[in-house]
Amino acid sequence: MIVAAAAFRALSDMSAFDVQIDTRRLDSMLAGCAGDAFATPAARAMAVQLCGERRVKSARPALERILTSPDSPEILRRSTSRALARLR
């Protein structure tokens, strides 16, 4: 669902100036969604992108699974490659 993707983006952007947003919890949610094969493609792609932008190191195992899974769409693998490059 596109709503989840938009919510992830908004929370990430707002966390830069709103101290009430629990950034550790947000990062955990992003890593969880990135690794959730049952999440909507839009939410998962946004979560992967934000894991890279926010340098969520705990997402590394999920991101690596995306790259090695033959079921991962090409667009998600490309986004994941970029995210992993930012984590290095």
PDB file of N, CA and C in Angstrom:
ATOM      1  N   MET A   1       0.845  -1.178   0.000  1.00  0.00           N
ATOM      2  CA  MET A   1       0.000   0.000   0.000  1.00  0.00           C
ATOM      3  C   MET A   1       0.892   1.244   0.000  1.00  0.00           C
ATOM      4  N   ILE A   2       0.536   2.169  -0.830  1.00  0.00           N
ATOM      5  CA  ILE A   2       1.311   3.395  -0.979  1.00  0.00           C
ATOM      6  C   ILE A   2       1.281   4.246   0.284  1.00  0.00           C
ATOM      7  N   VAL A   3       0.252   4.089   1.094  1.00  0.00           N
ATOM      8  CA  VAL A   3       0.137   4.861   2.329  1.00  0.00           C
ATOM      9  C   VAL A   3       1.298   4.547   3.271  1.00  0.00           C
ATOM     10  N   ALA A   4       1.660   3.285   3.384  1.00  0.00           N
ATOM     11  CA  ALA A   4       2.772   2.901   4.259  1.00  0.00           C
ATOM     12  C   ALA A   4       4.076   3.524   3.767  1.00  0.00           C
ATOM     13  N   ALA A   5       4.286   3.510   2.469  1.00  0.00           N
ATOM     14  CA  ALA A   5       5.505   4.099   1.914  1.00  0.00           C
ATOM     15  C   ALA A   5       5.561   5.593   2.211  1.00  0.00           C
ATOM     16  N   ALA A   6       4.449   6.265   2.029  1.00  0.00           N
ATOM     17  CA  ALA A   6       4.394   7.706   2.303  1.00  0.00           C
ATOM     18  C   ALA A   6       4.598   7.988   3.787  1.00  0.00           C
ATOM     19  N   ALA A   7       4.035   7.148   4.632  1.00  0.00           N
ATOM     20  CA  ALA A   7       4.197   7.334   6.076  1.00  0.00           C
ATOM     21  C   ALA A   7       5.657   7.146   6.483  1.00  0.00           C
ATOM     22  N   PHE A   8       6.309   6.130   5.925  1.00  0.00           N
ATOM     23  CA  PHE A   8       7.729   5.916   6.222  1.00  0.00           C
ATOM     24  C   PHE A   8       8.543   7.145   5.828  1.00  0.00           C
ATOM     25  N   ARG A   9       8.288   7.670   4.625  1.00  0.00           N
ATOM     26  CA  ARG A   9       9.036   8.846   4.141  1.00  0.00           C
ATOM     27  C   ARG A   9       8.778  10.038   5.060  1.00  0.00           C
ATOM     28  N   ALA A  10       7.527  10.264   5.405  1.00  0.00           N
ATOM     29  CA  ALA A  10       7.180  11.416   6.248  1.00  0.00           C
ATOM     30  C   ALA A  10       7.823  11.298   7.624  1.00  0.00           C
ATOM     31  N   LEU A  11       7.740  10.135   8.235  1.00  0.00           N
ATOM     32  CA  LEU A  11       8.352   9.951   9.554  1.00  0.00           C
ATOM     33  C   LEU A  11       9.864  10.146   9.502  1.00  0.00           C
ATOM     34  N   SER A  12      10.478   9.623   8.467  1.00  0.00           N
ATOM     35  CA  SER A  12      11.919   9.782   8.338  1.00  0.00           C
ATOM     36  C   SER A  12      12.297  11.252   8.189  1.00  0.00           C
ATOM     37  N   ASP A  13      11.573  11.961   7.343  1.00  0.00           N
ATOM     38  CA  ASP A  13      11.851  13.387   7.157  1.00  0.00           C
ATOM     39  C   ASP A  13      11.607  14.179   8.439  1.00  0.00           C
ATOM     40  N   MET A  14      10.514  13.882   9.120  1.00  0.00           N
ATOM     41  CA  MET A  14      10.167  14.605  10.343  1.00  0.00           C
ATOM     42  C   MET A  14      11.143  14.311  11.477  1.00  0.00           C
ATOM     43  N   SER A  15      11.739  13.128  11.476  1.00  0.00           N
ATOM     44  CA  SER A  15      12.646  12.754  12.571  1.00  0.00           C
ATOM     45  C   SER A  15      13.878  13.650  12.639  1.00  0.00           C
ATOM     46  N   ALA A  16      14.162  14.353  11.562  1.00  0.00           N
ATOM     47  CA  ALA A  16      15.313  15.257  11.542  1.00  0.00           C
ATOM     48  C   ALA A  16      15.112  16.454  12.463  1.00  0.00           C
ATOM     49  N   PHE A  17      13.852  16.821  12.725  1.00  0.00           N
ATOM     50  CA  PHE A  17      13.612  17.989  13.568  1.00  0.00           C
ATOM     51  C   PHE A  17      12.603  17.770  14.687  1.00  0.00           C
ATOM     52  N   ASP A  18      12.006  16.598  14.760  1.00  0.00           N
ATOM     53  CA  ASP A  18      11.020  16.313  15.806  1.00  0.00           C
ATOM     54  C   ASP A  18      11.594  15.281  16.776  1.00  0.00           C
ATOM     55  N   VAL A  19      11.976  15.734  17.956  1.00  0.00           N
ATOM     56  CA  VAL A  19      12.623  14.848  18.932  1.00  0.00           C
ATOM     57  C   VAL A  19      11.654  13.825  19.524  1.00  0.00           C
ATOM     58  N   GLN A  20      10.366  14.008  19.296  1.00  0.00           N
ATOM     59  CA  GLN A  20       9.395  13.046  19.817  1.00  0.00           C
ATOM     60  C   GLN A  20       9.335  11.768  18.989  1.00  0.00           C
ATOM     61  N   ILE A  21       9.907  11.791  17.805  1.00  0.00           N
ATOM     62  CA  ILE A  21       9.929  10.588  16.971  1.00  0.00           C
ATOM     63  C   ILE A  21      11.083   9.706  17.442  1.00  0.00           C
ATOM     64  N   ASP A  22      10.744   8.498  17.816  1.00  0.00           N
ATOM     65  CA  ASP A  22      11.726   7.527  18.300  1.00  0.00           C
ATOM     66  C   ASP A  22      12.472   6.959  17.085  1.00  0.00           C
ATOM     67  N   THR A  23      13.665   7.479  16.830  1.00  0.00           N
ATOM     68  CA  THR A  23      14.395   7.086  15.629  1.00  0.00           C
ATOM     69  C   THR A  23      14.849   5.629  15.665  1.00  0.00           C
ATOM     70  N   ARG A  24      15.140   5.118  16.855  1.00  0.00           N
ATOM     71  CA  ARG A  24      15.518   3.701  16.936  1.00  0.00           C
ATOM     72  C   ARG A  24      14.349   2.806  16.550  1.00  0.00           C
ATOM     73  N   ARG A  25      13.187   3.172  17.019  1.00  0.00           N
ATOM     74  CA  ARG A  25      11.988   2.383  16.677  1.00  0.00           C
ATOM     75  C   ARG A  25      11.688   2.497  15.181  1.00  0.00           C
ATOM     76  N   LEU A  26      11.822   3.695  14.639  1.00  0.00           N
ATOM     77  CA  LEU A  26      11.605   3.888  13.207  1.00  0.00           C
ATOM     78  C   LEU A  26      12.578   3.039  12.406  1.00  0.00           C
ATOM     79  N   ASP A  27      13.848   3.069  12.770  1.00  0.00           N
ATOM     80  CA  ASP A  27      14.848   2.265  12.060  1.00  0.00           C
ATOM     81  C   ASP A  27      14.524   0.782  12.155  1.00  0.00           C
ATOM     82  N   SER A  28      14.054   0.343  13.304  1.00  0.00           N
ATOM     83  CA  SER A  28      13.667  -1.052  13.483  1.00  0.00           C
ATOM     84  C   SER A  28      12.482  -1.414  12.582  1.00  0.00           C
ATOM     85  N   MET A  29      11.514  -0.510  12.499  1.00  0.00           N
ATOM     86  CA  MET A  29      10.354  -0.745  11.629  1.00  0.00           C
ATOM     87  C   MET A  29      10.778  -0.797  10.168  1.00  0.00           C
ATOM     88  N   LEU A  30      11.684   0.071   9.776  1.00  0.00           N
ATOM     89  CA  LEU A  30      12.162   0.086   8.393  1.00  0.00           C
ATOM     90  C   LEU A  30      12.889  -1.209   8.053  1.00  0.00           C
ATOM     91  N   ALA A  31      13.757  -1.648   8.952  1.00  0.00           N
ATOM     92  CA  ALA A  31      14.495  -2.894   8.719  1.00  0.00           C
ATOM     93  C   ALA A  31      13.529  -4.076   8.642  1.00  0.00           C
ATOM     94  N   GLY A  32      12.526  -4.076   9.509  1.00  0.00           N
ATOM     95  CA  GLY A  32      11.542  -5.154   9.500  1.00  0.00           C
ATOM     96  C   GLY A  32      10.745  -5.188   8.214  1.00  0.00           C
ATOM     97  N   CYS A  33      10.306  -4.033   7.755  1.00  0.00           N
ATOM     98  CA  CYS A  33       9.530  -3.969   6.523  1.00  0.00           C
ATOM     99  C   CYS A  33      10.382  -4.343   5.313  1.00  0.00           C
ATOM    100  N   ALA A  34      11.622  -3.900   5.299  1.00  0.00           N
ATOM    101  CA  ALA A  34      12.507  -4.226   4.181  1.00  0.00           C
ATOM    102  C   ALA A  34      12.658  -5.742   4.038  1.00  0.00           C
ATOM    103  N   GLY A  35      12.699  -6.438   5.142  1.00  0.00           N
ATOM    104  CA  GLY A  35      12.876  -7.882   5.105  1.00  0.00           C
ATOM    105  C   GLY A  35      11.596  -8.682   5.024  1.00  0.00           C
ATOM    106  N   ASP A  36      10.457  -8.016   5.015  1.00  0.00           N
ATOM    107  CA  ASP A  36       9.157  -8.698   5.009  1.00  0.00           C
ATOM    108  C   ASP A  36       8.683  -8.957   3.582  1.00  0.00           C
ATOM    109  N   ALA A  37       8.795 -10.186   3.152  1.00  0.00           N
ATOM    110  CA  ALA A  37       8.398 -10.553   1.785  1.00  0.00           C
ATOM    111  C   ALA A  37       6.900 -10.372   1.546  1.00  0.00           C
ATOM    112  N   PHE A  38       6.115 -10.245   2.612  1.00  0.00           N
ATOM    113  CA  PHE A  38       4.674 -10.078   2.465  1.00  0.00           C
ATOM    114  C   PHE A  38       4.240  -8.607   2.507  1.00  0.00           C
ATOM    115  N   ALA A  39       5.178  -7.704   2.737  1.00  0.00           N
ATOM    116  CA  ALA A  39       4.860  -6.277   2.716  1.00  0.00           C
ATOM    117  C   ALA A  39       4.563  -5.853   1.283  1.00  0.00           C
ATOM    118  N   THR A  40       3.820  -4.781   1.134  1.00  0.00           N
ATOM    119  CA  THR A  40       3.517  -4.310  -0.221  1.00  0.00           C
ATOM    120  C   THR A  40       4.810  -3.862  -0.903  1.00  0.00           C
ATOM    121  N   PRO A  41       4.880  -3.996  -2.221  1.00  0.00           N
ATOM    122  CA  PRO A  41       6.100  -3.593  -2.927  1.00  0.00           C
ATOM    123  C   PRO A  41       6.498  -2.140  -2.677  1.00  0.00           C
ATOM    124  N   ALA A  42       5.512  -1.234  -2.633  1.00  0.00           N
ATOM    125  CA  ALA A  42       5.828   0.185  -2.414  1.00  0.00           C
ATOM    126  C   ALA A  42       6.417   0.416  -1.034  1.00  0.00           C
ATOM    127  N   ALA A  43       5.817  -0.193  -0.019  1.00  0.00           N
ATOM    128  CA  ALA A  43       6.324  -0.028   1.347  1.00  0.00           C
ATOM    129  C   ALA A  43       7.711  -0.637   1.473  1.00  0.00           C
ATOM    130  N   ARG A  44       7.879  -1.792   0.890  1.00  0.00           N
ATOM    131  CA  ARG A  44       9.175  -2.471   0.986  1.00  0.00           C
ATOM    132  C   ARG A  44      10.274  -1.684   0.267  1.00  0.00           C
ATOM    133  N   ALA A  45       9.973  -1.182  -0.909  1.00  0.00           N
ATOM    134  CA  ALA A  45      10.963  -0.399  -1.656  1.00  0.00           C
ATOM    135  C   ALA A  45      11.335   0.868  -0.897  1.00  0.00           C
ATOM    136  N   MET A  46      10.348   1.537  -0.304  1.00  0.00           N
ATOM    137  CA  MET A  46      10.634   2.749   0.470  1.00  0.00           C
ATOM    138  C   MET A  46      11.460   2.399   1.703  1.00  0.00           C
ATOM    139  N   ALA A  47      11.125   1.299   2.358  1.00  0.00           N
ATOM    140  CA  ALA A  47      11.873   0.889   3.546  1.00  0.00           C
ATOM    141  C   ALA A  47      13.331   0.608   3.183  1.00  0.00           C
ATOM    142  N   VAL A  48      13.552  -0.068   2.074  1.00  0.00           N
ATOM    143  CA  VAL A  48      14.922  -0.353   1.623  1.00  0.00           C
ATOM    144  C   VAL A  48      15.669   0.950   1.364  1.00  0.00           C
ATOM    145  N   GLN A  49      15.037   1.853   0.638  1.00  0.00           N
ATOM    146  CA  GLN A  49      15.675   3.131   0.327  1.00  0.00           C
ATOM    147  C   GLN A  49      16.021   3.896   1.600  1.00  0.00           C
ATOM    148  N   LEU A  50      15.087   3.949   2.536  1.00  0.00           N
ATOM    149  CA  LEU A  50      15.323   4.694   3.769  1.00  0.00           C
ATOM    150  C   LEU A  50      16.360   4.022   4.657  1.00  0.00           C
ATOM    151  N   CYS A  51      16.429   2.702   4.622  1.00  0.00           N
ATOM    152  CA  CYS A  51      17.480   2.009   5.384  1.00  0.00           C
ATOM    153  C   CYS A  51      18.852   2.463   4.899  1.00  0.00           C
ATOM    154  N   GLY A  52      18.977   2.649   3.595  1.00  0.00           N
ATOM    155  CA  GLY A  52      20.230   3.147   3.056  1.00  0.00           C
ATOM    156  C   GLY A  52      20.478   4.594   3.434  1.00  0.00           C
ATOM    157  N   GLU A  53      19.471   5.428   3.252  1.00  0.00           N
ATOM    158  CA  GLU A  53      19.613   6.850   3.573  1.00  0.00           C
ATOM    159  C   GLU A  53      19.948   7.070   5.046  1.00  0.00           C
ATOM    160  N   ARG A  54      19.287   6.311   5.917  1.00  0.00           N
ATOM    161  CA  ARG A  54      19.459   6.487   7.355  1.00  0.00           C
ATOM    162  C   ARG A  54      20.612   5.638   7.893  1.00  0.00           C
ATOM    163  N   ARG A  55      21.207   4.848   7.013  1.00  0.00           N
ATOM    164  CA  ARG A  55      22.323   3.969   7.373  1.00  0.00           C
ATOM    165  C   ARG A  55      21.951   3.043   8.544  1.00  0.00           C
ATOM    166  N   VAL A  56      20.856   2.313   8.325  1.00  0.00           N
ATOM    167  CA  VAL A  56      20.331   1.383   9.323  1.00  0.00           C
ATOM    168  C   VAL A  56      21.102   0.068   9.201  1.00  0.00           C
ATOM    169  N   LYS A  57      22.159  -0.054   9.971  1.00  0.00           N
ATOM    170  CA  LYS A  57      23.028  -1.223   9.882  1.00  0.00           C
ATOM    171  C   LYS A  57      22.321  -2.523  10.255  1.00  0.00           C
ATOM    172  N   SER A  58      21.311  -2.446  11.116  1.00  0.00           N
ATOM    173  CA  SER A  58      20.579  -3.653  11.502  1.00  0.00           C
ATOM    174  C   SER A  58      19.787  -4.239  10.334  1.00  0.00           C
ATOM    175  N   ALA A  59      19.621  -3.483   9.261  1.00  0.00           N
ATOM    176  CA  ALA A  59      18.892  -3.971   8.086  1.00  0.00           C
ATOM    177  C   ALA A  59      19.771  -4.801   7.160  1.00  0.00           C
ATOM    178  N   ARG A  60      21.075  -4.811   7.403  1.00  0.00           N
ATOM    179  CA  ARG A  60      21.994  -5.500   6.494  1.00  0.00           C
ATOM    180  C   ARG A  60      21.585  -6.945   6.188  1.00  0.00           C
ATOM    181  N   PRO A  61      21.263  -7.788   7.191  1.00  0.00           N
ATOM    182  CA  PRO A  61      20.875  -9.174   6.864  1.00  0.00           C
ATOM    183  C   PRO A  61      19.645  -9.244   5.953  1.00  0.00           C
ATOM    184  N   ALA A  62      18.648  -8.417   6.215  1.00  0.00           N
ATOM    185  CA  ALA A  62      17.447  -8.418   5.370  1.00  0.00           C
ATOM    186  C   ALA A  62      17.780  -7.969   3.957  1.00  0.00           C
ATOM    187  N   LEU A  63      18.613  -6.955   3.843  1.00  0.00           N
ATOM    188  CA  LEU A  63      18.992  -6.458   2.522  1.00  0.00           C
ATOM    189  C   LEU A  63      19.799  -7.499   1.754  1.00  0.00           C
ATOM    190  N   GLU A  64      20.666  -8.187   2.432  1.00  0.00           N
ATOM    191  CA  GLU A  64      21.451  -9.232   1.767  1.00  0.00           C
ATOM    192  C   GLU A  64      20.561 -10.382   1.300  1.00  0.00           C
ATOM    193  N   ARG A  65      19.510 -10.700   2.072  1.00  0.00           N
ATOM    194  CA  ARG A  65      18.569 -11.749   1.648  1.00  0.00           C
ATOM    195  C   ARG A  65      17.822 -11.334   0.385  1.00  0.00           C
ATOM    196  N   ILE A  66      17.499 -10.042   0.289  1.00  0.00           N
ATOM    197  CA  ILE A  66      16.820  -9.563  -0.919  1.00  0.00           C
ATOM    198  C   ILE A  66      17.696  -9.802  -2.137  1.00  0.00           C
ATOM    199  N   LEU A  67      18.977  -9.503  -2.006  1.00  0.00           N
ATOM    200  CA  LEU A  67      19.884  -9.665  -3.139  1.00  0.00           C
ATOM    201  C   LEU A  67      20.047 -11.115  -3.559  1.00  0.00           C
ATOM    202  N   THR A  68      19.996 -12.020  -2.621  1.00  0.00           N
ATOM    203  CA  THR A  68      20.228 -13.432  -2.942  1.00  0.00           C
ATOM    204  C   THR A  68      18.947 -14.188  -3.290  1.00  0.00           C
ATOM    205  N   SER A  69      17.800 -13.587  -3.059  1.00  0.00           N
ATOM    206  CA  SER A  69      16.537 -14.266  -3.352  1.00  0.00           C
ATOM    207  C   SER A  69      16.195 -14.167  -4.838  1.00  0.00           C
ATOM    208  N   PRO A  70      15.966 -15.304  -5.471  1.00  0.00           N
ATOM    209  CA  PRO A  70      15.587 -15.271  -6.891  1.00  0.00           C
ATOM    210  C   PRO A  70      14.188 -14.686  -7.103  1.00  0.00           C
ATOM    211  N   ASP A  71      13.408 -14.584  -6.044  1.00  0.00           N
ATOM    212  CA  ASP A  71      12.053 -14.042  -6.148  1.00  0.00           C
ATOM    213  C   ASP A  71      12.004 -12.522  -6.047  1.00  0.00           C
ATOM    214  N   SER A  72      13.111 -11.898  -5.699  1.00  0.00           N
ATOM    215  CA  SER A  72      13.126 -10.437  -5.558  1.00  0.00           C
ATOM    216  C   SER A  72      13.043  -9.771  -6.924  1.00  0.00           C
ATOM    217  N   PRO A  73      12.130  -8.817  -7.076  1.00  0.00           N
ATOM    218  CA  PRO A  73      12.056  -8.078  -8.342  1.00  0.00           C
ATOM    219  C   PRO A  73      13.350  -7.308  -8.598  1.00  0.00           C
ATOM    220  N   GLU A  74      13.679  -7.149  -9.846  1.00  0.00           N
ATOM    221  CA  GLU A  74      14.919  -6.462 -10.235  1.00  0.00           C
ATOM    222  C   GLU A  74      15.007  -5.051  -9.650  1.00  0.00           C
ATOM    223  N   ILE A  75      13.914  -4.327  -9.674  1.00  0.00           N
ATOM    224  CA  ILE A  75      13.932  -2.951  -9.150  1.00  0.00           C
ATOM    225  C   ILE A  75      14.259  -2.940  -7.662  1.00  0.00           C
ATOM    226  N   LEU A  76      13.764  -3.927  -6.928  1.00  0.00           N
ATOM    227  CA  LEU A  76      14.054  -4.003  -5.496  1.00  0.00           C
ATOM    228  C   LEU A  76      15.518  -4.380  -5.272  1.00  0.00           C
ATOM    229  N   ARG A  77      16.043  -5.269  -6.102  1.00  0.00           N
ATOM    230  CA  ARG A  77      17.462  -5.640  -5.978  1.00  0.00           C
ATOM    231  C   ARG A  77      18.372  -4.440  -6.248  1.00  0.00           C
ATOM    232  N   ARG A  78      18.034  -3.646  -7.228  1.00  0.00           N
ATOM    233  CA  ARG A  78      18.852  -2.464  -7.536  1.00  0.00           C
ATOM    234  C   ARG A  78      18.829  -1.460  -6.393  1.00  0.00           C
ATOM    235  N   SER A  79      17.658  -1.231  -5.857  1.00  0.00           N
ATOM    236  CA  SER A  79      17.525  -0.316  -4.724  1.00  0.00           C
ATOM    237  C   SER A  79      18.294  -0.850  -3.520  1.00  0.00           C
ATOM    238  N   THR A  80      18.231  -2.147  -3.346  1.00  0.00           N
ATOM    239  CA  THR A  80      18.928  -2.793  -2.237  1.00  0.00           C
ATOM    240  C   THR A  80      20.438  -2.675  -2.397  1.00  0.00           C
ATOM    241  N   SER A  81      20.923  -2.835  -3.596  1.00  0.00           N
ATOM    242  CA  SER A  81      22.366  -2.685  -3.843  1.00  0.00           C
ATOM    243  C   SER A  81      22.832  -1.295  -3.449  1.00  0.00           C
ATOM    244  N   ARG A  82      22.037  -0.289  -3.805  1.00  0.00           N
ATOM    245  CA  ARG A  82      22.370   1.083  -3.451  1.00  0.00           C
ATOM    246  C   ARG A  82      22.345   1.286  -1.945  1.00  0.00           C
ATOM    247  N   ALA A  83      21.343   0.713  -1.294  1.00  0.00           N
ATOM    248  CA  ALA A  83      21.229   0.852   0.158  1.00  0.00           C
ATOM    249  C   ALA A  83      22.422   0.192   0.861  1.00  0.00           C
ATOM    250  N   LEU A  84      22.783  -1.003   0.393  1.00  0.00           N
ATOM    251  CA  LEU A  84      23.930  -1.694   1.010  1.00  0.00           C
ATOM    252  C   LEU A  84      25.230  -0.922   0.808  1.00  0.00           C
ATOM    253  N   ALA A  85      25.376  -0.291  -0.333  1.00  0.00           N
ATOM    254  CA  ALA A  85      26.583   0.497  -0.593  1.00  0.00           C
ATOM    255  C   ALA A  85      26.701   1.641   0.415  1.00  0.00           C
ATOM    256  N   ARG A  86      25.578   2.182   0.836  1.00  0.00           N
ATOM    257  CA  ARG A  86      25.597   3.262   1.816  1.00  0.00           C
ATOM    258  C   ARG A  86      25.912   2.754   3.222  1.00  0.00           C
ATOM    259  N   LEU A  87      25.660   1.474   3.452  1.00  0.00           N
ATOM    260  CA  LEU A  87      25.925   0.900   4.772  1.00  0.00           C
ATOM    261  C   LEU A  87      27.387   0.511   4.950  1.00  0.00           C
ATOM    262  N   ARG A  88      28.130   0.450   3.908  1.00  0.00           N
ATOM    263  CA  ARG A  88      29.532   0.019   3.973  1.00  0.00           C
ATOM    264  C   ARG A  88      30.438   1.108   4.501  1.00  0.00           C
TER     265      ARG A  88
END
